[in-house]
Amino acid sequence: MVKNNANNCRFALVGTTHPGNIGAAARAMKTMAIEQLDLIALECAVDAQAYAMAAHADNVLDNARHFPQLDQALEQSTLTLGLTARARRDGVPALSPREAAAMIALEPGPVSVLFGRERTGLTNDELGACQRLVHIPANPDYPALNVAAAVQLMAYEIYVAALEHQPDLAPAQTQDPDQQLASGAHLEGLHRQIEAMVEYSGYSARQPREVLIRRLRHFINRARPSIEEVNLLRGVIKRLLP
C-alpha cells in the first residue's frame, strides 16, 4: 500500500452536521490510502447512514478519533492545513491542493488537514491554528463544493504526490532533533503567551484585539518554528511578563 507521507497524515472534519458526509468522506479517503480520520465538535451522530455511505471504509469510521475541541486534535501535528473558500485570508495566500500535497509528502512530522462545516467552513480561529491554507479553485459562479468532494480532491493530490516524492522521504528520518518542528501543542502554548503579552502591554496597533491576535498567530504559524525556537521565545516572554 502506498503511504501518503513518511509519517502520519490525518484528515479532520470540523463541525460536520450530516452523517452522510462523514461516511462519504471516509470512503473518499480510503480510496486514496488515507485512513486516519479525526472528528471534531461534530453536530451529528456517526450512525447507520454514515456507515452506509462509507461502503467498505468502515474501518476508517471505527478507528476515527473524536474530540470536542480542535486544539486537542492538533497537539502532535507539526503541519496543519485548513481548507478555505477564499484564495487569500487575512493577507495569507492559500496553496493549491497540488502545492499543499507536495508539501505534505515532504513533511517530516505528523500532518492534519482540516475541512470545515458544510455551510460556513472553518472559523477564523480554526484557520488561525493552521500553518498553511488551501484553496480549491472552482467556478466563481457556482463554487458549491461539498465536504466529501473536497476530501476526495485533496486525498487524490496527496496520493499522487506520495508516488512522486517517495524517494525524497528517507532524509526526513535523519532530521536533527534540535530542529524538529514545533507541534500544535507547542505552538498553542506560545500563542497563549503572546496573547498575554499583548494584554499586558496594552498594544493594539489601532485594530481590534481579536484581529491583532489573529495576525500574530498567522505570522508565527507561517514561520513554522522549531521546538527549540519556540522554547526560546517562550523563555523571553516569560521574563517580560509579571
C-alpha atoms as a PDB file:
ATOM      1  CA  MET A   1       0.000   0.000   0.000  1.00  0.00           C
ATOM      2  CA  VAL A   2       1.218   3.488  -0.810  1.00  0.00           C
ATOM      3  CA  LYS A   3       1.704   5.661   2.244  1.00  0.00           C
ATOM      4  CA  ASN A   4       0.784   9.318   1.900  1.00  0.00           C
ATOM      5  CA  ASN A   5       3.850  10.608   3.646  1.00  0.00           C
ATOM      6  CA  ALA A   6       6.684   9.109   5.651  1.00  0.00           C
ATOM      7  CA  ASN A   7       4.895   9.804   8.899  1.00  0.00           C
ATOM      8  CA  ASN A   8       1.272  10.468   9.593  1.00  0.00           C
ATOM      9  CA  CYS A   9      -1.387  12.300   7.573  1.00  0.00           C
ATOM     10  CA  ARG A  10      -4.778  12.736   9.191  1.00  0.00           C
ATOM     11  CA  PHE A  11      -7.932  14.297   7.739  1.00  0.00           C
ATOM     12  CA  ALA A  12     -10.093  16.201  10.235  1.00  0.00           C
ATOM     13  CA  LEU A  13     -13.764  17.072   9.769  1.00  0.00           C
ATOM     14  CA  VAL A  14     -14.769  20.028  11.939  1.00  0.00           C
ATOM     15  CA  GLY A  15     -18.370  20.678  12.966  1.00  0.00           C
ATOM     16  CA  THR A  16     -19.897  18.321  10.390  1.00  0.00           C
ATOM     17  CA  THR A  17     -23.710  18.408  10.525  1.00  0.00           C
ATOM     18  CA  HIS A  18     -24.728  15.448   8.323  1.00  0.00           C
ATOM     19  CA  PRO A  19     -23.697  11.810   8.947  1.00  0.00           C
ATOM     20  CA  GLY A  20     -23.790  11.028   5.231  1.00  0.00           C
ATOM     21  CA  ASN A  21     -20.962  13.490   4.654  1.00  0.00           C
ATOM     22  CA  ILE A  22     -18.825  11.746   7.254  1.00  0.00           C
ATOM     23  CA  GLY A  23     -19.343   8.378   5.569  1.00  0.00           C
ATOM     24  CA  ALA A  24     -18.723   9.753   2.078  1.00  0.00           C
ATOM     25  CA  ALA A  25     -15.537  11.434   3.303  1.00  0.00           C
ATOM     26  CA  ALA A  26     -14.326   8.156   4.830  1.00  0.00           C
ATOM     27  CA  ARG A  27     -14.899   6.364   1.538  1.00  0.00           C
ATOM     28  CA  ALA A  28     -13.080   9.094  -0.404  1.00  0.00           C
ATOM     29  CA  MET A  29     -10.136   8.865   1.979  1.00  0.00           C
ATOM     30  CA  LYS A  30      -9.757   5.101   1.826  1.00  0.00           C
ATOM     31  CA  THR A  31      -9.702   5.053  -1.983  1.00  0.00           C
ATOM     32  CA  MET A  32      -6.522   7.131  -1.732  1.00  0.00           C
ATOM     33  CA  ALA A  33      -4.944   5.177   1.156  1.00  0.00           C
ATOM     34  CA  ILE A  34      -5.657   7.769   3.848  1.00  0.00           C
ATOM     35  CA  GLU A  35      -7.341   6.010   6.757  1.00  0.00           C
ATOM     36  CA  GLN A  36      -6.756   8.285   9.744  1.00  0.00           C
ATOM     37  CA  LEU A  37      -9.785  10.450  10.489  1.00  0.00           C
ATOM     38  CA  ASP A  38     -10.427  12.980  13.245  1.00  0.00           C
ATOM     39  CA  LEU A  39     -13.986  14.120  14.002  1.00  0.00           C
ATOM     40  CA  ILE A  40     -14.066  17.410  15.873  1.00  0.00           C
ATOM     41  CA  ALA A  41     -17.044  19.129  17.513  1.00  0.00           C
ATOM     42  CA  LEU A  42     -19.498  17.062  15.486  1.00  0.00           C
ATOM     43  CA  GLU A  43     -23.085  18.255  15.241  1.00  0.00           C
ATOM     44  CA  CYS A  44     -24.437  14.842  14.249  1.00  0.00           C
ATOM     45  CA  ALA A  45     -24.000  11.156  15.098  1.00  0.00           C
ATOM     46  CA  VAL A  46     -21.844   8.658  13.238  1.00  0.00           C
ATOM     47  CA  ASP A  47     -24.864   6.457  12.569  1.00  0.00           C
ATOM     48  CA  ALA A  48     -26.096   3.829  10.132  1.00  0.00           C
ATOM     49  CA  GLN A  49     -26.313   6.400   7.351  1.00  0.00           C
ATOM     50  CA  ALA A  50     -22.646   7.287   7.819  1.00  0.00           C
ATOM     51  CA  TYR A  51     -21.668   3.612   7.570  1.00  0.00           C
ATOM     52  CA  ALA A  52     -23.868   3.105   4.525  1.00  0.00           C
ATOM     53  CA  MET A  53     -22.168   5.999   2.724  1.00  0.00           C
ATOM     54  CA  ALA A  54     -18.741   4.713   3.788  1.00  0.00           C
ATOM     55  CA  ALA A  55     -19.336   1.487   1.806  1.00  0.00           C
ATOM     56  CA  HIS A  56     -16.251  -0.652   2.583  1.00  0.00           C
ATOM     57  CA  ALA A  57     -14.455   2.065   4.570  1.00  0.00           C
ATOM     58  CA  ASP A  58     -15.999   1.021   7.893  1.00  0.00           C
ATOM     59  CA  ASN A  59     -12.571   0.779   9.499  1.00  0.00           C
ATOM     60  CA  VAL A  60     -11.977   4.493   8.878  1.00  0.00           C
ATOM     61  CA  LEU A  61     -15.088   5.310  10.911  1.00  0.00           C
ATOM     62  CA  ASP A  62     -14.401   2.633  13.539  1.00  0.00           C
ATOM     63  CA  ASN A  63     -10.914   3.997  14.203  1.00  0.00           C
ATOM     64  CA  ALA A  64     -11.758   7.699  13.965  1.00  0.00           C
ATOM     65  CA  ARG A  65     -10.701   9.877  16.877  1.00  0.00           C
ATOM     66  CA  HIS A  66     -13.352  12.140  18.423  1.00  0.00           C
ATOM     67  CA  PHE A  67     -12.514  15.496  20.001  1.00  0.00           C
ATOM     68  CA  PRO A  68     -14.728  18.235  21.445  1.00  0.00           C
ATOM     69  CA  GLN A  69     -12.148  20.918  20.561  1.00  0.00           C
ATOM     70  CA  LEU A  70      -9.744  21.439  17.682  1.00  0.00           C
ATOM     71  CA  ASP A  71      -6.594  22.103  19.705  1.00  0.00           C
ATOM     72  CA  GLN A  72      -6.806  18.630  21.264  1.00  0.00           C
ATOM     73  CA  ALA A  73      -6.663  17.019  17.824  1.00  0.00           C
ATOM     74  CA  LEU A  74      -3.649  19.069  16.731  1.00  0.00           C
ATOM     75  CA  GLU A  75      -1.402  18.555  19.753  1.00  0.00           C
ATOM     76  CA  GLN A  76       1.068  16.305  17.898  1.00  0.00           C
ATOM     77  CA  SER A  77       0.793  17.823  14.407  1.00  0.00           C
ATOM     78  CA  THR A  78       3.765  19.776  13.078  1.00  0.00           C
ATOM     79  CA  LEU A  79       1.877  20.856   9.947  1.00  0.00           C
ATOM     80  CA  THR A  80      -1.798  21.798   9.878  1.00  0.00           C
ATOM     81  CA  LEU A  81      -3.514  22.858   6.664  1.00  0.00           C
ATOM     82  CA  GLY A  82      -7.018  24.298   6.528  1.00  0.00           C
ATOM     83  CA  LEU A  83      -9.318  24.307   3.515  1.00  0.00           C
ATOM     84  CA  THR A  84     -10.806  27.727   2.776  1.00  0.00           C
ATOM     85  CA  ALA A  85     -13.200  29.028   0.147  1.00  0.00           C
ATOM     86  CA  ARG A  86     -11.101  32.181  -0.259  1.00  0.00           C
ATOM     87  CA  ALA A  87      -7.852  32.341  -2.191  1.00  0.00           C
ATOM     88  CA  ARG A  88      -6.483  34.753   0.436  1.00  0.00           C
ATOM     89  CA  ARG A  89      -7.472  35.357   4.060  1.00  0.00           C
ATOM     90  CA  ASP A  90      -6.031  37.982   6.414  1.00  0.00           C
ATOM     91  CA  GLY A  91      -3.181  38.580   3.991  1.00  0.00           C
ATOM     92  CA  VAL A  92      -2.217  34.894   3.896  1.00  0.00           C
ATOM     93  CA  PRO A  93      -2.272  33.400   0.371  1.00  0.00           C
ATOM     94  CA  ALA A  94      -3.644  29.873   0.127  1.00  0.00           C
ATOM     95  CA  LEU A  95      -1.873  26.993  -1.589  1.00  0.00           C
ATOM     96  CA  SER A  96      -3.472  24.997  -4.370  1.00  0.00           C
ATOM     97  CA  PRO A  97      -4.269  21.362  -3.476  1.00  0.00           C
ATOM     98  CA  ARG A  98      -1.294  20.245  -5.599  1.00  0.00           C
ATOM     99  CA  GLU A  99       1.103  22.615  -3.832  1.00  0.00           C
ATOM    100  CA  ALA A 100      -0.230  21.524  -0.456  1.00  0.00           C
ATOM    101  CA  ALA A 101       0.116  17.837  -1.352  1.00  0.00           C
ATOM    102  CA  ALA A 102       3.760  18.302  -2.352  1.00  0.00           C
ATOM    103  CA  MET A 103       4.405  19.980   0.986  1.00  0.00           C
ATOM    104  CA  ILE A 104       2.688  17.148   2.856  1.00  0.00           C
ATOM    105  CA  ALA A 105       4.689  14.500   1.001  1.00  0.00           C
ATOM    106  CA  LEU A 106       7.958  16.011   2.256  1.00  0.00           C
ATOM    107  CA  GLU A 107       6.811  16.877   5.778  1.00  0.00           C
ATOM    108  CA  PRO A 108       8.979  15.201   8.449  1.00  0.00           C
ATOM    109  CA  GLY A 109       6.273  15.255  11.138  1.00  0.00           C
ATOM    110  CA  PRO A 110       2.572  14.459  11.620  1.00  0.00           C
ATOM    111  CA  VAL A 111       0.134  16.324   9.356  1.00  0.00           C
ATOM    112  CA  SER A 112      -3.506  17.356   9.856  1.00  0.00           C
ATOM    113  CA  VAL A 113      -5.744  18.567   7.017  1.00  0.00           C
ATOM    114  CA  LEU A 114      -8.874  20.395   8.211  1.00  0.00           C
ATOM    115  CA  PHE A 115     -12.239  20.502   6.460  1.00  0.00           C
ATOM    116  CA  GLY A 116     -14.917  22.832   7.817  1.00  0.00           C
ATOM    117  CA  ARG A 117     -18.665  22.905   8.177  1.00  0.00           C
ATOM    118  CA  GLU A 118     -20.909  22.291   5.197  1.00  0.00           C
ATOM    119  CA  ARG A 119     -22.388  25.799   5.186  1.00  0.00           C
ATOM    120  CA  THR A 120     -19.805  28.042   6.805  1.00  0.00           C
ATOM    121  CA  GLY A 121     -16.461  26.233   6.571  1.00  0.00           C
ATOM    122  CA  LEU A 122     -13.749  26.814   9.170  1.00  0.00           C
ATOM    123  CA  THR A 123     -13.926  29.785  11.523  1.00  0.00           C
ATOM    124  CA  ASN A 124     -11.213  32.435  11.685  1.00  0.00           C
ATOM    125  CA  ASP A 125      -9.992  30.943  14.969  1.00  0.00           C
ATOM    126  CA  GLU A 126      -9.758  27.476  13.407  1.00  0.00           C
ATOM    127  CA  LEU A 127      -7.871  28.814  10.405  1.00  0.00           C
ATOM    128  CA  GLY A 128      -5.620  30.570  12.905  1.00  0.00           C
ATOM    129  CA  ALA A 129      -4.402  27.135  14.038  1.00  0.00           C
ATOM    130  CA  CYS A 130      -3.096  26.354  10.536  1.00  0.00           C
ATOM    131  CA  GLN A 131       0.443  26.789   9.228  1.00  0.00           C
ATOM    132  CA  ARG A 132      -0.872  26.889   5.662  1.00  0.00           C
ATOM    133  CA  LEU A 133      -4.254  27.434   3.998  1.00  0.00           C
ATOM    134  CA  VAL A 134      -5.529  25.529   0.965  1.00  0.00           C
ATOM    135  CA  HIS A 135      -7.975  26.805  -1.651  1.00  0.00           C
ATOM    136  CA  ILE A 136      -9.618  24.597  -4.285  1.00  0.00           C
ATOM    137  CA  PRO A 137     -10.284  26.714  -7.395  1.00  0.00           C
ATOM    138  CA  ALA A 138     -13.855  26.360  -8.634  1.00  0.00           C
ATOM    139  CA  ASN A 139     -16.408  28.033 -10.863  1.00  0.00           C
ATOM    140  CA  PRO A 140     -16.821  31.518  -9.293  1.00  0.00           C
ATOM    141  CA  ASP A 141     -20.489  31.485 -10.298  1.00  0.00           C
ATOM    142  CA  TYR A 142     -21.102  28.173  -8.502  1.00  0.00           C
ATOM    143  CA  PRO A 143     -18.334  27.272  -6.013  1.00  0.00           C
ATOM    144  CA  ALA A 144     -20.595  24.753  -4.244  1.00  0.00           C
ATOM    145  CA  LEU A 145     -18.073  22.028  -3.457  1.00  0.00           C
ATOM    146  CA  ASN A 146     -19.337  19.701  -0.743  1.00  0.00           C
ATOM    147  CA  VAL A 147     -17.182  18.266   2.045  1.00  0.00           C
ATOM    148  CA  ALA A 148     -16.764  14.787   0.555  1.00  0.00           C
ATOM    149  CA  ALA A 149     -15.787  16.219  -2.839  1.00  0.00           C
ATOM    150  CA  ALA A 150     -13.160  18.443  -1.202  1.00  0.00           C
ATOM    151  CA  VAL A 151     -11.851  15.433   0.728  1.00  0.00           C
ATOM    152  CA  GLN A 152     -11.620  13.401  -2.477  1.00  0.00           C
ATOM    153  CA  LEU A 153      -9.721  16.113  -4.325  1.00  0.00           C
ATOM    154  CA  MET A 154      -7.215  16.593  -1.520  1.00  0.00           C
ATOM    155  CA  ALA A 155      -6.777  12.856  -0.972  1.00  0.00           C
ATOM    156  CA  TYR A 156      -6.100  12.313  -4.684  1.00  0.00           C
ATOM    157  CA  GLU A 157      -3.463  15.050  -4.824  1.00  0.00           C
ATOM    158  CA  ILE A 158      -1.764  13.693  -1.697  1.00  0.00           C
ATOM    159  CA  TYR A 159      -1.744  10.171  -3.115  1.00  0.00           C
ATOM    160  CA  VAL A 160      -0.180  11.323  -6.399  1.00  0.00           C
ATOM    161  CA  ALA A 161       2.381  13.477  -4.581  1.00  0.00           C
ATOM    162  CA  ALA A 162       3.348  10.494  -2.423  1.00  0.00           C
ATOM    163  CA  LEU A 163       4.105   8.463  -5.548  1.00  0.00           C
ATOM    164  CA  GLU A 164       6.242  11.265  -6.965  1.00  0.00           C
ATOM    165  CA  HIS A 165       8.147  12.093  -3.791  1.00  0.00           C
ATOM    166  CA  GLN A 166       8.691   8.699  -2.143  1.00  0.00           C
ATOM    167  CA  PRO A 167      12.450   8.667  -2.916  1.00  0.00           C
ATOM    168  CA  ASP A 168      12.760  12.046  -1.174  1.00  0.00           C
ATOM    169  CA  LEU A 169      11.276  10.887   2.123  1.00  0.00           C
ATOM    170  CA  ALA A 170      14.252   8.995   3.557  1.00  0.00           C
ATOM    171  CA  PRO A 171      16.293  12.091   4.638  1.00  0.00           C
ATOM    172  CA  ALA A 172      13.444  13.142   6.935  1.00  0.00           C
ATOM    173  CA  GLN A 173      14.330  10.219   9.193  1.00  0.00           C
ATOM    174  CA  THR A 174      17.723  11.783   9.990  1.00  0.00           C
ATOM    175  CA  GLN A 175      16.387  15.203  10.989  1.00  0.00           C
ATOM    176  CA  ASP A 176      18.408  16.918  13.729  1.00  0.00           C
ATOM    177  CA  PRO A 177      16.365  16.565  16.962  1.00  0.00           C
ATOM    178  CA  ASP A 178      17.199  20.188  17.848  1.00  0.00           C
ATOM    179  CA  GLN A 179      15.494  21.325  14.624  1.00  0.00           C
ATOM    180  CA  GLN A 180      12.288  19.317  14.976  1.00  0.00           C
ATOM    181  CA  LEU A 181       9.312  21.466  14.063  1.00  0.00           C
ATOM    182  CA  ALA A 182       7.050  22.605  16.864  1.00  0.00           C
ATOM    183  CA  SER A 183       3.819  20.664  17.229  1.00  0.00           C
ATOM    184  CA  GLY A 184       0.365  22.109  17.688  1.00  0.00           C
ATOM    185  CA  ALA A 185       0.690  21.799  21.459  1.00  0.00           C
ATOM    186  CA  HIS A 186       3.998  23.719  21.476  1.00  0.00           C
ATOM    187  CA  LEU A 187       2.601  26.451  19.237  1.00  0.00           C
ATOM    188  CA  GLU A 188      -0.584  26.813  21.241  1.00  0.00           C
ATOM    189  CA  GLY A 189       1.448  27.435  24.380  1.00  0.00           C
ATOM    190  CA  LEU A 190       3.399  30.166  22.568  1.00  0.00           C
ATOM    191  CA  HIS A 191       0.229  31.740  21.170  1.00  0.00           C
ATOM    192  CA  ARG A 192      -1.281  31.958  24.646  1.00  0.00           C
ATOM    193  CA  GLN A 193       1.838  33.640  25.990  1.00  0.00           C
ATOM    194  CA  ILE A 194       1.799  36.138  23.121  1.00  0.00           C
ATOM    195  CA  GLU A 195      -1.863  36.909  23.847  1.00  0.00           C
ATOM    196  CA  ALA A 196      -0.959  37.503  27.491  1.00  0.00           C
ATOM    197  CA  MET A 197       1.896  39.798  26.430  1.00  0.00           C
ATOM    198  CA  VAL A 198      -0.438  41.792  24.158  1.00  0.00           C
ATOM    199  CA  GLU A 199      -2.927  42.110  27.015  1.00  0.00           C
ATOM    200  CA  TYR A 200      -0.236  43.177  29.485  1.00  0.00           C
ATOM    201  CA  SER A 201       1.350  45.716  27.141  1.00  0.00           C
ATOM    202  CA  GLY A 202      -1.935  47.287  26.066  1.00  0.00           C
ATOM    203  CA  TYR A 203      -0.655  47.362  22.487  1.00  0.00           C
ATOM    204  CA  SER A 204      -3.387  47.437  19.846  1.00  0.00           C
ATOM    205  CA  ALA A 205      -1.775  48.598  16.555  1.00  0.00           C
ATOM    206  CA  ARG A 206      -5.013  50.566  16.016  1.00  0.00           C
ATOM    207  CA  GLN A 207      -7.041  47.443  15.331  1.00  0.00           C
ATOM    208  CA  PRO A 208      -9.431  45.216  17.308  1.00  0.00           C
ATOM    209  CA  ARG A 209      -7.661  42.893  19.704  1.00  0.00           C
ATOM    210  CA  GLU A 210      -9.001  39.739  18.005  1.00  0.00           C
ATOM    211  CA  VAL A 211      -7.655  40.906  14.622  1.00  0.00           C
ATOM    212  CA  LEU A 212      -4.233  41.651  16.115  1.00  0.00           C
ATOM    213  CA  ILE A 213      -4.087  38.242  17.814  1.00  0.00           C
ATOM    214  CA  ARG A 214      -5.144  36.501  14.600  1.00  0.00           C
ATOM    215  CA  ARG A 215      -2.459  38.294  12.585  1.00  0.00           C
ATOM    216  CA  LEU A 216       0.196  37.384  15.142  1.00  0.00           C
ATOM    217  CA  ARG A 217      -0.943  33.762  15.022  1.00  0.00           C
ATOM    218  CA  HIS A 218      -0.630  33.722  11.235  1.00  0.00           C
ATOM    219  CA  PHE A 219       2.840  35.272  11.488  1.00  0.00           C
ATOM    220  CA  ILE A 220       4.094  32.595  13.901  1.00  0.00           C
ATOM    221  CA  ASN A 221       2.367  29.743  12.054  1.00  0.00           C
ATOM    222  CA  ARG A 222       3.791  30.751   8.669  1.00  0.00           C
ATOM    223  CA  ALA A 223       7.298  30.796  10.145  1.00  0.00           C
ATOM    224  CA  ARG A 224       6.943  27.171  11.316  1.00  0.00           C
ATOM    225  CA  PRO A 225       9.459  27.487  14.171  1.00  0.00           C
ATOM    226  CA  SER A 226      11.296  24.545  15.679  1.00  0.00           C
ATOM    227  CA  ILE A 227      10.695  23.334  19.241  1.00  0.00           C
ATOM    228  CA  GLU A 228      13.975  24.970  20.235  1.00  0.00           C
ATOM    229  CA  GLU A 229      12.912  28.319  18.739  1.00  0.00           C
ATOM    230  CA  VAL A 230       9.508  28.176  20.423  1.00  0.00           C
ATOM    231  CA  ASN A 231      11.129  27.443  23.773  1.00  0.00           C
ATOM    232  CA  LEU A 232      13.479  30.387  23.225  1.00  0.00           C
ATOM    233  CA  LEU A 233      10.604  32.780  22.519  1.00  0.00           C
ATOM    234  CA  ARG A 234       8.591  31.475  25.443  1.00  0.00           C
ATOM    235  CA  GLY A 235      11.545  31.977  27.750  1.00  0.00           C
ATOM    236  CA  VAL A 236      11.948  35.600  26.662  1.00  0.00           C
ATOM    237  CA  ILE A 237       8.217  36.336  27.004  1.00  0.00           C
ATOM    238  CA  LYS A 238       8.118  34.701  30.436  1.00  0.00           C
ATOM    239  CA  ARG A 239      10.817  37.128  31.609  1.00  0.00           C
ATOM    240  CA  LEU A 240       8.840  40.095  30.295  1.00  0.00           C
ATOM    241  CA  LEU A 241       5.538  39.158  31.907  1.00  0.00           C
ATOM    242  CA  PRO A 242       4.912  39.843  35.621  1.00  0.00           C
END
